[in-house]
């Protein structure tokens, strides 16, 4: 199902934005970011975020990003933002003329973690697929929108019922760039149920009986 861009809601607006059928273009504000505490000991919560709401427990959300990032830490991608201390994001974060970071950040109860891999700085487009299975989530990426590779599986403690998810962009340093989002779709969950080891069954401790 194609997403109606006009039904999405801003958590924080960009420097400027153009919305047309099938395309969203945003220009980031300088000194905007999403991060909570871990390692860096600062808290940033002012990135541009545009989202939709759902109570659906099983779905996949796909989006294509194109970006003109050129300054350290410029980034855009997919996001699930519940509140300032509970969110996840997947994106490419520019580093320098040689490489950038393809990665994800998961923030639960006010502490962020960051998992990345280095990719060539020439990459200026990426697809993302965010999938939900109850309160567990999977982020995947793709260079062609057909074959997706897993980036992260995680649990979101506060994703119990209605959640908000969508797109984000930000420029943590003194920078601004244009990010373009297209091909947004909401579909049946593409993250299949696990078919290997069965869940553990709780066994009471009989040692003290």
N, C-alpha and C. Protein backbone atom coordinates (compact mmCIF):
# COMPACT_ATOMS: atom_id res chain seq x y z
N UNK A 1 0.83 -1.19 0.00
CA UNK A 1 0.00 0.00 0.00
C UNK A 1 0.87 1.25 0.00
N UNK A 2 0.65 2.11 -1.00
CA UNK A 2 1.42 3.35 -1.04
C UNK A 2 0.96 4.28 0.07
N UNK A 3 1.89 5.00 0.65
CA UNK A 3 1.59 5.87 1.77
C UNK A 3 1.20 7.26 1.28
N UNK A 4 0.17 7.82 1.88
CA UNK A 4 -0.23 9.19 1.61
C UNK A 4 0.64 10.12 2.44
N UNK A 5 1.55 10.82 1.80
CA UNK A 5 2.50 11.68 2.51
C UNK A 5 1.80 12.76 3.34
N UNK A 6 0.64 13.20 2.89
CA UNK A 6 -0.06 14.28 3.59
C UNK A 6 -0.72 13.83 4.89
N UNK A 7 -0.76 12.51 5.12
CA UNK A 7 -1.32 12.00 6.36
C UNK A 7 -0.25 11.77 7.43
N UNK A 8 0.99 12.02 7.07
CA UNK A 8 2.08 11.89 8.04
C UNK A 8 2.16 13.17 8.88
N UNK A 9 2.70 13.04 10.09
CA UNK A 9 2.74 14.16 11.03
C UNK A 9 4.18 14.48 11.42
N UNK A 10 4.46 15.77 11.51
CA UNK A 10 5.79 16.22 11.92
C UNK A 10 5.94 16.11 13.44
N UNK A 11 7.03 15.52 13.87
CA UNK A 11 7.46 15.66 15.26
C UNK A 11 8.31 16.92 15.39
N UNK A 12 9.19 17.13 14.40
CA UNK A 12 9.95 18.38 14.27
C UNK A 12 10.15 18.66 12.79
N UNK A 13 9.94 19.88 12.40
CA UNK A 13 10.02 20.24 10.99
C UNK A 13 11.45 20.60 10.58
N UNK A 14 11.74 20.47 9.27
CA UNK A 14 13.07 20.79 8.76
C UNK A 14 13.22 22.28 8.47
N UNK A 15 14.37 22.66 7.94
CA UNK A 15 14.58 24.03 7.50
C UNK A 15 13.58 24.39 6.40
N UNK A 16 13.39 23.48 5.46
CA UNK A 16 12.38 23.64 4.42
C UNK A 16 11.97 22.26 3.93
N UNK A 17 10.81 22.21 3.27
CA UNK A 17 10.29 20.92 2.85
C UNK A 17 9.38 21.09 1.64
N UNK A 18 9.45 20.13 0.72
CA UNK A 18 8.55 20.08 -0.43
C UNK A 18 7.93 18.68 -0.46
N UNK A 19 6.60 18.63 -0.41
CA UNK A 19 5.89 17.35 -0.45
C UNK A 19 5.03 17.29 -1.70
N UNK A 20 5.26 16.28 -2.51
CA UNK A 20 4.44 16.04 -3.68
C UNK A 20 4.07 14.56 -3.69
N UNK A 21 3.23 14.16 -4.63
CA UNK A 21 2.81 12.76 -4.64
C UNK A 21 4.01 11.85 -4.88
N UNK A 22 4.27 11.01 -3.90
CA UNK A 22 5.35 10.04 -4.03
C UNK A 22 6.73 10.55 -3.69
N UNK A 23 6.85 11.80 -3.24
CA UNK A 23 8.18 12.34 -2.95
C UNK A 23 8.13 13.36 -1.82
N UNK A 24 9.11 13.26 -0.92
CA UNK A 24 9.29 14.24 0.15
C UNK A 24 10.74 14.70 0.11
N UNK A 25 10.94 16.01 -0.03
CA UNK A 25 12.28 16.59 0.00
C UNK A 25 12.40 17.49 1.23
N UNK A 26 13.43 17.25 2.03
CA UNK A 26 13.64 18.09 3.20
C UNK A 26 15.06 18.64 3.17
N UNK A 27 15.21 19.83 3.70
CA UNK A 27 16.53 20.45 3.92
C UNK A 27 16.73 20.55 5.42
N UNK A 28 17.81 19.97 5.89
CA UNK A 28 18.03 19.88 7.34
C UNK A 28 18.44 21.21 7.95
N UNK A 29 18.16 21.32 9.24
CA UNK A 29 18.66 22.44 10.03
C UNK A 29 20.03 22.07 10.61
N UNK A 30 20.94 23.02 10.71
CA UNK A 30 22.23 22.74 11.36
C UNK A 30 22.03 22.41 12.84
N UNK A 31 22.96 21.66 13.39
CA UNK A 31 23.00 21.33 14.82
C UNK A 31 21.74 20.58 15.26
N UNK A 32 21.32 19.62 14.44
CA UNK A 32 20.18 18.76 14.79
C UNK A 32 20.64 17.31 14.83
N UNK A 33 20.08 16.53 15.76
CA UNK A 33 20.57 15.16 15.94
C UNK A 33 19.61 14.39 16.83
N UNK A 34 19.82 13.06 16.88
CA UNK A 34 19.16 12.18 17.83
C UNK A 34 20.24 11.34 18.51
N UNK A 35 20.38 11.49 19.82
CA UNK A 35 21.31 10.66 20.61
C UNK A 35 20.98 10.85 22.08
N UNK A 36 21.19 9.77 22.86
CA UNK A 36 20.94 9.85 24.30
C UNK A 36 22.09 9.22 25.10
N UNK A 37 22.83 10.06 25.77
CA UNK A 37 23.76 9.75 26.86
C UNK A 37 24.98 8.90 26.49
N UNK A 38 24.80 7.67 26.05
CA UNK A 38 25.87 6.68 26.00
C UNK A 38 27.17 7.21 25.39
N UNK A 39 28.26 7.01 26.09
CA UNK A 39 29.62 7.33 25.67
C UNK A 39 29.88 8.83 25.52
N UNK A 40 29.06 9.51 24.74
CA UNK A 40 29.30 10.92 24.47
C UNK A 40 28.82 11.81 25.61
N UNK A 41 27.91 11.29 26.43
CA UNK A 41 27.40 11.99 27.62
C UNK A 41 26.60 13.24 27.30
N UNK A 42 26.11 13.34 26.06
CA UNK A 42 25.19 14.44 25.76
C UNK A 42 23.85 13.87 25.32
N UNK A 43 22.84 14.74 25.29
CA UNK A 43 21.50 14.35 24.89
C UNK A 43 21.03 15.29 23.80
N UNK A 44 20.81 14.76 22.59
CA UNK A 44 20.33 15.55 21.46
C UNK A 44 18.99 14.98 20.99
N UNK A 45 18.02 15.86 20.85
CA UNK A 45 16.68 15.40 20.53
C UNK A 45 15.95 16.45 19.68
N UNK A 46 16.54 16.82 18.55
CA UNK A 46 15.93 17.86 17.73
C UNK A 46 16.00 17.58 16.23
N UNK A 47 16.20 16.32 15.83
CA UNK A 47 16.24 15.97 14.41
C UNK A 47 14.86 16.13 13.78
N UNK A 48 14.84 16.40 12.48
CA UNK A 48 13.60 16.41 11.72
C UNK A 48 13.03 14.99 11.66
N UNK A 49 11.76 14.84 12.06
CA UNK A 49 11.09 13.54 12.07
C UNK A 49 9.68 13.71 11.51
N UNK A 50 9.33 12.87 10.53
CA UNK A 50 8.00 12.85 9.92
C UNK A 50 7.47 11.43 9.98
N UNK A 51 6.30 11.23 10.64
CA UNK A 51 5.86 9.87 10.93
C UNK A 51 4.36 9.66 10.71
N UNK A 52 3.99 8.39 10.73
CA UNK A 52 2.60 7.96 10.73
C UNK A 52 2.38 7.07 11.95
N UNK A 53 1.11 6.83 12.28
CA UNK A 53 0.78 6.02 13.45
C UNK A 53 0.14 4.70 13.02
N UNK A 54 0.34 3.67 13.85
CA UNK A 54 -0.35 2.40 13.62
C UNK A 54 -0.42 1.60 14.91
N UNK A 55 -1.45 0.76 15.00
CA UNK A 55 -1.55 -0.24 16.05
C UNK A 55 -1.29 -1.64 15.49
N UNK A 56 -1.03 -1.71 14.20
CA UNK A 56 -0.77 -3.00 13.55
C UNK A 56 0.49 -3.64 14.14
N UNK A 57 0.39 -4.89 14.53
CA UNK A 57 1.51 -5.58 15.20
C UNK A 57 2.50 -6.22 14.24
N UNK A 58 2.09 -6.40 12.99
CA UNK A 58 2.95 -7.07 12.02
C UNK A 58 2.89 -6.30 10.71
N UNK A 59 3.99 -5.67 10.32
CA UNK A 59 4.03 -4.93 9.06
C UNK A 59 5.47 -4.68 8.66
N UNK A 60 5.66 -4.21 7.43
CA UNK A 60 6.95 -3.71 6.95
C UNK A 60 6.73 -2.36 6.28
N UNK A 61 7.65 -1.47 6.52
CA UNK A 61 7.64 -0.14 5.93
C UNK A 61 8.90 0.02 5.11
N UNK A 62 8.74 0.39 3.83
CA UNK A 62 9.87 0.53 2.92
C UNK A 62 9.97 1.97 2.44
N UNK A 63 11.19 2.48 2.33
CA UNK A 63 11.42 3.83 1.81
C UNK A 63 12.78 3.88 1.12
N UNK A 64 12.83 4.68 0.05
CA UNK A 64 14.10 4.94 -0.63
C UNK A 64 14.59 6.33 -0.25
N UNK A 65 15.88 6.43 0.05
CA UNK A 65 16.48 7.73 0.37
C UNK A 65 17.52 8.09 -0.67
N UNK A 66 17.57 9.38 -1.00
CA UNK A 66 18.65 9.96 -1.80
C UNK A 66 19.12 11.20 -1.05
N UNK A 67 20.42 11.43 -1.04
CA UNK A 67 20.93 12.48 -0.16
C UNK A 67 22.15 13.16 -0.75
N UNK A 68 22.26 14.44 -0.42
CA UNK A 68 23.39 15.26 -0.87
C UNK A 68 24.29 15.60 0.32
N UNK A 69 24.45 14.65 1.20
CA UNK A 69 25.27 14.88 2.40
C UNK A 69 26.71 15.17 2.01
N UNK A 70 27.32 16.06 2.76
CA UNK A 70 28.68 16.48 2.43
C UNK A 70 29.50 16.89 3.64
N UNK A 71 28.89 16.87 4.82
CA UNK A 71 29.57 17.30 6.03
C UNK A 71 29.49 16.19 7.07
N UNK A 72 30.47 16.12 7.93
CA UNK A 72 30.53 15.07 8.95
C UNK A 72 29.23 14.94 9.73
N UNK A 73 28.73 13.72 9.80
CA UNK A 73 27.54 13.31 10.55
C UNK A 73 26.21 13.62 9.86
N UNK A 74 26.21 14.29 8.69
CA UNK A 74 24.95 14.44 7.94
C UNK A 74 24.33 13.06 7.75
N UNK A 75 23.01 12.95 7.94
CA UNK A 75 22.38 11.63 7.88
C UNK A 75 20.88 11.74 7.59
N UNK A 76 20.33 10.67 7.00
CA UNK A 76 18.89 10.57 6.79
C UNK A 76 18.53 9.10 6.63
N UNK A 77 17.29 8.77 7.00
CA UNK A 77 16.89 7.37 6.87
C UNK A 77 15.54 7.10 7.47
N UNK A 78 15.39 5.88 7.99
CA UNK A 78 14.14 5.41 8.56
C UNK A 78 14.19 5.57 10.08
N UNK A 79 13.03 5.82 10.70
CA UNK A 79 13.00 6.05 12.14
C UNK A 79 11.71 5.50 12.74
N UNK A 80 11.80 5.11 13.99
CA UNK A 80 10.65 4.81 14.83
C UNK A 80 10.87 5.62 16.10
N UNK A 81 10.11 6.71 16.22
CA UNK A 81 10.33 7.65 17.33
C UNK A 81 9.10 7.67 18.22
N UNK A 82 9.24 7.10 19.43
CA UNK A 82 8.14 7.07 20.38
C UNK A 82 8.16 8.30 21.27
N UNK A 83 9.34 8.59 21.83
CA UNK A 83 9.56 9.80 22.61
C UNK A 83 11.07 10.00 22.68
N UNK A 84 11.52 11.02 23.41
CA UNK A 84 12.93 11.38 23.40
C UNK A 84 13.85 10.27 23.90
N UNK A 85 13.33 9.34 24.69
CA UNK A 85 14.18 8.31 25.29
C UNK A 85 13.90 6.91 24.75
N UNK A 86 13.04 6.81 23.74
CA UNK A 86 12.71 5.50 23.17
C UNK A 86 12.50 5.65 21.67
N UNK A 87 13.49 5.20 20.91
CA UNK A 87 13.43 5.33 19.45
C UNK A 87 14.51 4.47 18.80
N UNK A 88 14.37 4.28 17.49
CA UNK A 88 15.43 3.63 16.72
C UNK A 88 15.53 4.32 15.37
N UNK A 89 16.70 4.24 14.77
CA UNK A 89 16.89 4.83 13.44
C UNK A 89 17.90 4.00 12.65
N UNK A 90 17.74 4.01 11.33
CA UNK A 90 18.68 3.38 10.43
C UNK A 90 19.02 4.36 9.32
N UNK A 91 20.32 4.52 9.02
CA UNK A 91 20.70 5.57 8.07
C UNK A 91 22.14 5.38 7.60
N UNK A 92 22.53 6.27 6.68
CA UNK A 92 23.94 6.44 6.31
C UNK A 92 24.39 7.77 6.86
N UNK A 93 25.48 7.75 7.59
CA UNK A 93 26.02 8.95 8.23
C UNK A 93 27.35 9.32 7.57
N UNK A 94 27.37 10.49 6.96
CA UNK A 94 28.58 10.92 6.23
C UNK A 94 29.74 11.13 7.20
N UNK A 95 30.94 10.72 6.78
CA UNK A 95 32.13 10.92 7.60
C UNK A 95 33.13 11.82 6.91
N UNK A 96 33.56 11.45 5.70
CA UNK A 96 34.51 12.27 4.95
C UNK A 96 34.44 11.89 3.47
N UNK A 97 35.37 12.37 2.68
CA UNK A 97 35.33 12.11 1.24
C UNK A 97 35.66 10.67 0.88
N UNK A 98 36.13 9.90 1.84
CA UNK A 98 36.50 8.50 1.60
C UNK A 98 35.42 7.51 2.00
N UNK A 99 34.85 7.69 3.19
CA UNK A 99 33.88 6.70 3.67
C UNK A 99 32.77 7.35 4.50
N UNK A 100 31.72 6.57 4.70
CA UNK A 100 30.62 6.97 5.57
C UNK A 100 30.14 5.74 6.34
N UNK A 101 29.26 5.95 7.32
CA UNK A 101 28.80 4.85 8.16
C UNK A 101 27.37 4.46 7.83
N UNK A 102 27.19 3.21 7.43
CA UNK A 102 25.85 2.63 7.30
C UNK A 102 25.55 1.95 8.62
N UNK A 103 24.50 2.38 9.31
CA UNK A 103 24.29 1.80 10.62
C UNK A 103 22.94 2.10 11.22
N UNK A 104 22.81 1.73 12.48
CA UNK A 104 21.55 1.90 13.20
C UNK A 104 21.83 2.27 14.65
N UNK A 105 20.89 2.99 15.22
CA UNK A 105 20.94 3.35 16.64
C UNK A 105 19.63 2.91 17.28
N UNK A 106 19.72 2.21 18.40
CA UNK A 106 18.55 1.82 19.18
C UNK A 106 18.66 2.47 20.55
N UNK A 107 17.61 3.16 20.95
CA UNK A 107 17.58 3.85 22.23
C UNK A 107 16.40 3.34 23.04
N UNK A 108 16.71 2.71 24.16
CA UNK A 108 15.70 2.23 25.10
C UNK A 108 15.93 2.89 26.45
N UNK A 109 14.89 3.51 26.99
CA UNK A 109 14.92 4.10 28.33
C UNK A 109 16.09 5.07 28.49
N UNK A 110 16.36 5.85 27.43
CA UNK A 110 17.29 6.96 27.55
C UNK A 110 18.75 6.65 27.30
N UNK A 111 19.07 5.47 26.76
CA UNK A 111 20.46 5.14 26.46
C UNK A 111 20.56 4.59 25.03
N UNK A 112 21.41 5.20 24.23
CA UNK A 112 21.56 4.82 22.82
C UNK A 112 22.72 3.86 22.63
N UNK A 113 22.59 2.98 21.63
CA UNK A 113 23.74 2.22 21.15
C UNK A 113 23.83 2.40 19.65
N UNK A 114 25.02 2.21 19.11
CA UNK A 114 25.27 2.50 17.69
C UNK A 114 26.04 1.34 17.09
N UNK A 115 25.50 0.75 16.02
CA UNK A 115 26.17 -0.33 15.30
C UNK A 115 26.36 0.11 13.85
N UNK A 116 27.58 0.03 13.33
CA UNK A 116 27.85 0.55 11.98
C UNK A 116 28.80 -0.35 11.20
N UNK A 117 28.80 -0.11 9.89
CA UNK A 117 29.82 -0.65 9.02
C UNK A 117 30.21 0.44 8.03
N UNK A 118 31.47 0.49 7.64
CA UNK A 118 31.92 1.54 6.73
C UNK A 118 31.58 1.19 5.28
N UNK A 119 31.09 2.19 4.54
CA UNK A 119 30.83 2.04 3.11
C UNK A 119 31.46 3.22 2.38
N UNK A 120 31.58 3.11 1.08
CA UNK A 120 32.22 4.15 0.30
C UNK A 120 31.42 5.45 0.32
N UNK A 121 32.11 6.56 0.33
CA UNK A 121 31.45 7.87 0.38
C UNK A 121 30.70 8.21 -0.90
N UNK A 122 30.93 7.46 -1.96
CA UNK A 122 30.24 7.72 -3.22
C UNK A 122 28.78 7.28 -3.20
N UNK A 123 28.40 6.45 -2.24
CA UNK A 123 27.01 5.98 -2.14
C UNK A 123 26.11 7.15 -1.76
N UNK A 124 25.11 7.45 -2.58
CA UNK A 124 24.22 8.58 -2.33
C UNK A 124 22.74 8.19 -2.38
N UNK A 125 22.48 6.90 -2.29
CA UNK A 125 21.11 6.42 -2.26
C UNK A 125 21.06 5.10 -1.51
N UNK A 126 19.97 4.88 -0.75
CA UNK A 126 19.81 3.62 -0.04
C UNK A 126 18.33 3.40 0.26
N UNK A 127 17.90 2.14 0.14
CA UNK A 127 16.56 1.73 0.54
C UNK A 127 16.63 1.17 1.96
N UNK A 128 15.55 1.36 2.72
CA UNK A 128 15.45 0.77 4.06
C UNK A 128 14.10 0.07 4.19
N UNK A 129 14.11 -1.00 4.98
CA UNK A 129 12.86 -1.70 5.31
C UNK A 129 12.82 -1.91 6.82
N UNK A 130 11.81 -1.33 7.44
CA UNK A 130 11.59 -1.47 8.88
C UNK A 130 10.41 -2.40 9.09
N UNK A 131 10.63 -3.49 9.84
CA UNK A 131 9.57 -4.48 10.05
C UNK A 131 9.28 -4.63 11.54
N UNK A 132 8.00 -4.84 11.83
CA UNK A 132 7.56 -5.03 13.22
C UNK A 132 6.93 -6.40 13.40
N UNK A 133 7.32 -7.07 14.47
CA UNK A 133 6.65 -8.27 14.95
C UNK A 133 6.39 -8.03 16.43
N UNK A 134 5.22 -7.51 16.74
CA UNK A 134 4.83 -7.11 18.10
C UNK A 134 5.79 -6.02 18.61
N UNK A 135 6.58 -6.28 19.64
CA UNK A 135 7.49 -5.24 20.13
C UNK A 135 8.95 -5.54 19.77
N UNK A 136 9.15 -6.39 18.77
CA UNK A 136 10.47 -6.63 18.20
C UNK A 136 10.50 -6.03 16.79
N UNK A 137 11.69 -5.57 16.38
CA UNK A 137 11.82 -4.87 15.10
C UNK A 137 13.07 -5.31 14.36
N UNK A 138 13.00 -5.19 13.04
CA UNK A 138 14.14 -5.51 12.18
C UNK A 138 14.33 -4.36 11.19
N UNK A 139 15.59 -3.90 11.06
CA UNK A 139 15.93 -2.90 10.06
C UNK A 139 16.80 -3.58 9.01
N UNK A 140 16.44 -3.36 7.73
CA UNK A 140 17.21 -3.90 6.61
C UNK A 140 17.53 -2.78 5.63
N UNK A 141 18.52 -3.00 4.79
CA UNK A 141 18.89 -2.03 3.77
C UNK A 141 19.07 -2.72 2.42
N UNK A 142 19.00 -1.91 1.36
CA UNK A 142 19.12 -2.46 0.01
C UNK A 142 19.61 -1.37 -0.93
N UNK A 143 20.46 -1.75 -1.86
CA UNK A 143 20.94 -0.79 -2.85
C UNK A 143 20.00 -0.69 -4.05
N UNK A 144 19.10 -1.70 -4.22
CA UNK A 144 18.24 -1.71 -5.39
C UNK A 144 16.75 -1.82 -5.08
N UNK A 145 16.39 -1.92 -3.80
CA UNK A 145 15.00 -2.04 -3.43
C UNK A 145 14.42 -3.42 -3.63
N UNK A 146 15.25 -4.37 -4.01
CA UNK A 146 14.80 -5.74 -4.27
C UNK A 146 15.40 -6.71 -3.25
N UNK A 147 16.71 -6.71 -3.15
CA UNK A 147 17.41 -7.59 -2.22
C UNK A 147 17.81 -6.80 -0.98
N UNK A 148 17.28 -7.21 0.18
CA UNK A 148 17.55 -6.50 1.43
C UNK A 148 18.48 -7.31 2.32
N UNK A 149 19.37 -6.61 3.03
CA UNK A 149 20.28 -7.24 3.98
C UNK A 149 19.97 -6.75 5.39
N UNK A 150 20.01 -7.65 6.33
CA UNK A 150 19.71 -7.31 7.72
C UNK A 150 20.77 -6.38 8.31
N UNK A 151 20.33 -5.33 8.96
CA UNK A 151 21.20 -4.43 9.69
C UNK A 151 21.10 -4.64 11.20
N UNK A 152 19.89 -4.88 11.67
CA UNK A 152 19.68 -4.92 13.12
C UNK A 152 18.35 -5.59 13.46
N UNK A 153 18.36 -6.45 14.47
CA UNK A 153 17.15 -6.93 15.14
C UNK A 153 17.20 -6.40 16.56
N UNK A 154 16.08 -5.85 17.03
CA UNK A 154 16.10 -5.26 18.37
C UNK A 154 14.73 -5.34 19.02
N UNK A 155 14.70 -5.08 20.30
CA UNK A 155 13.47 -5.02 21.08
C UNK A 155 13.26 -3.59 21.54
N UNK A 156 12.03 -3.10 21.42
CA UNK A 156 11.69 -1.77 21.92
C UNK A 156 10.72 -1.93 23.10
N UNK A 157 11.20 -1.60 24.27
CA UNK A 157 10.46 -1.86 25.50
C UNK A 157 9.12 -1.13 25.55
N UNK A 158 9.06 0.05 24.95
CA UNK A 158 7.85 0.86 25.06
C UNK A 158 6.94 0.76 23.83
N UNK A 159 7.25 -0.15 22.93
CA UNK A 159 6.42 -0.31 21.72
C UNK A 159 5.34 -1.36 21.98
N UNK A 160 4.45 -1.05 22.89
CA UNK A 160 3.46 -2.02 23.34
C UNK A 160 2.19 -2.03 22.51
N UNK A 161 1.80 -0.89 22.02
CA UNK A 161 0.53 -0.80 21.30
C UNK A 161 0.70 0.10 20.09
N UNK A 162 0.15 1.31 20.14
CA UNK A 162 0.31 2.23 19.02
C UNK A 162 1.74 2.74 18.96
N UNK A 163 2.30 2.76 17.77
CA UNK A 163 3.64 3.29 17.58
C UNK A 163 3.62 4.32 16.46
N UNK A 164 4.71 5.08 16.34
CA UNK A 164 4.89 6.04 15.25
C UNK A 164 6.19 5.71 14.54
N UNK A 165 6.18 5.77 13.22
CA UNK A 165 7.37 5.44 12.45
C UNK A 165 7.35 6.23 11.15
N UNK A 166 8.53 6.37 10.55
CA UNK A 166 8.59 7.11 9.29
C UNK A 166 10.01 7.43 8.89
N UNK A 167 10.28 8.72 8.65
CA UNK A 167 11.58 9.14 8.10
C UNK A 167 12.17 10.25 8.96
N UNK A 168 13.50 10.42 8.84
CA UNK A 168 14.16 11.48 9.59
C UNK A 168 15.37 11.96 8.81
N UNK A 169 15.85 13.14 9.15
CA UNK A 169 17.10 13.69 8.59
C UNK A 169 17.65 14.71 9.57
N UNK A 170 18.97 14.82 9.64
CA UNK A 170 19.57 15.79 10.55
C UNK A 170 21.02 16.07 10.17
N UNK A 171 21.51 17.19 10.70
CA UNK A 171 22.91 17.62 10.50
C UNK A 171 23.46 18.05 11.85
N UNK A 172 24.14 17.14 12.57
CA UNK A 172 24.59 17.43 13.93
C UNK A 172 25.57 18.60 14.03
N UNK A 173 26.34 18.86 12.99
CA UNK A 173 27.29 19.97 13.07
C UNK A 173 26.75 21.16 12.27
N UNK A 174 27.61 22.11 11.96
CA UNK A 174 27.18 23.34 11.29
C UNK A 174 27.03 23.07 9.80
N UNK A 175 25.96 22.38 9.44
CA UNK A 175 25.76 21.92 8.07
C UNK A 175 24.28 21.90 7.74
N UNK A 176 23.97 21.76 6.46
CA UNK A 176 22.61 21.60 5.99
C UNK A 176 22.67 20.90 4.64
N UNK A 177 21.76 19.96 4.39
CA UNK A 177 21.77 19.25 3.12
C UNK A 177 20.35 18.83 2.75
N UNK A 178 20.16 18.43 1.49
CA UNK A 178 18.84 17.99 1.03
C UNK A 178 18.76 16.47 1.03
N UNK A 179 17.68 15.97 1.61
CA UNK A 179 17.39 14.53 1.61
C UNK A 179 16.06 14.32 0.92
N UNK A 180 16.00 13.31 0.05
CA UNK A 180 14.80 13.01 -0.71
C UNK A 180 14.32 11.61 -0.37
N UNK A 181 13.03 11.50 -0.07
CA UNK A 181 12.41 10.22 0.30
C UNK A 181 11.33 9.88 -0.73
N UNK A 182 11.42 8.68 -1.30
CA UNK A 182 10.45 8.24 -2.31
C UNK A 182 10.10 6.77 -2.08
N UNK A 183 9.16 6.26 -2.86
CA UNK A 183 8.81 4.83 -2.88
C UNK A 183 8.42 4.30 -1.51
N UNK A 184 7.72 5.12 -0.73
CA UNK A 184 7.30 4.68 0.60
C UNK A 184 6.10 3.75 0.47
N UNK A 185 6.20 2.60 1.12
CA UNK A 185 5.12 1.62 1.09
C UNK A 185 4.96 0.96 2.44
N UNK A 186 3.71 0.65 2.76
CA UNK A 186 3.38 -0.13 3.95
C UNK A 186 2.83 -1.46 3.45
N UNK A 187 3.36 -2.57 3.96
CA UNK A 187 3.00 -3.88 3.42
C UNK A 187 2.97 -4.94 4.49
N UNK A 188 2.53 -6.12 4.08
CA UNK A 188 2.56 -7.28 4.97
C UNK A 188 3.98 -7.50 5.46
N UNK A 189 4.10 -7.94 6.69
CA UNK A 189 5.43 -8.10 7.30
C UNK A 189 6.29 -9.05 6.47
N UNK A 190 7.43 -8.52 6.02
CA UNK A 190 8.37 -9.30 5.24
C UNK A 190 9.39 -10.03 6.11
N UNK A 191 9.38 -9.75 7.39
CA UNK A 191 10.27 -10.39 8.37
C UNK A 191 9.53 -11.62 8.90
N UNK A 192 9.87 -12.75 8.37
CA UNK A 192 9.13 -13.96 8.67
C UNK A 192 9.37 -14.45 10.09
N UNK A 193 8.40 -15.18 10.60
CA UNK A 193 8.54 -15.78 11.93
C UNK A 193 9.71 -16.75 11.94
N UNK A 194 10.41 -16.80 13.06
CA UNK A 194 11.57 -17.68 13.20
C UNK A 194 11.12 -19.15 13.13
N UNK A 195 11.86 -19.96 12.35
CA UNK A 195 11.47 -21.36 12.18
C UNK A 195 12.54 -22.33 12.67
N UNK A 196 13.40 -21.86 13.58
CA UNK A 196 14.46 -22.72 14.10
C UNK A 196 14.19 -23.13 15.53
N UNK A 197 15.13 -22.82 16.42
CA UNK A 197 15.00 -23.20 17.83
C UNK A 197 13.72 -22.64 18.42
N UNK A 198 13.01 -23.47 19.14
CA UNK A 198 11.76 -23.05 19.76
C UNK A 198 12.03 -22.22 21.02
N UNK A 199 11.08 -21.36 21.39
CA UNK A 199 11.26 -20.55 22.61
C UNK A 199 11.45 -21.43 23.82
N UNK A 200 12.22 -20.92 24.79
CA UNK A 200 12.42 -21.66 26.03
C UNK A 200 11.10 -21.80 26.78
N UNK A 201 10.94 -22.92 27.44
CA UNK A 201 9.79 -23.16 28.31
C UNK A 201 10.25 -23.07 29.74
N UNK A 202 9.61 -22.23 30.52
CA UNK A 202 10.03 -22.02 31.91
C UNK A 202 9.86 -23.29 32.72
N UNK A 203 10.91 -23.67 33.44
CA UNK A 203 10.88 -24.82 34.34
C UNK A 203 11.14 -24.34 35.76
N UNK A 204 10.23 -24.55 36.68
CA UNK A 204 10.46 -24.10 38.07
C UNK A 204 11.66 -24.78 38.68
N UNK A 205 12.34 -24.08 39.53
CA UNK A 205 13.52 -24.62 40.23
C UNK A 205 13.05 -25.53 41.34
N UNK A 206 13.29 -26.83 41.17
CA UNK A 206 12.83 -27.81 42.16
C UNK A 206 13.87 -28.06 43.24
N UNK A 207 15.03 -27.46 43.12
CA UNK A 207 16.13 -27.73 44.04
C UNK A 207 15.76 -27.41 45.47
N UNK A 208 14.93 -26.35 45.67
CA UNK A 208 14.63 -25.90 47.03
C UNK A 208 13.28 -26.36 47.51
N UNK A 209 12.64 -27.29 46.76
CA UNK A 209 11.33 -27.79 47.19
C UNK A 209 11.49 -28.95 48.15
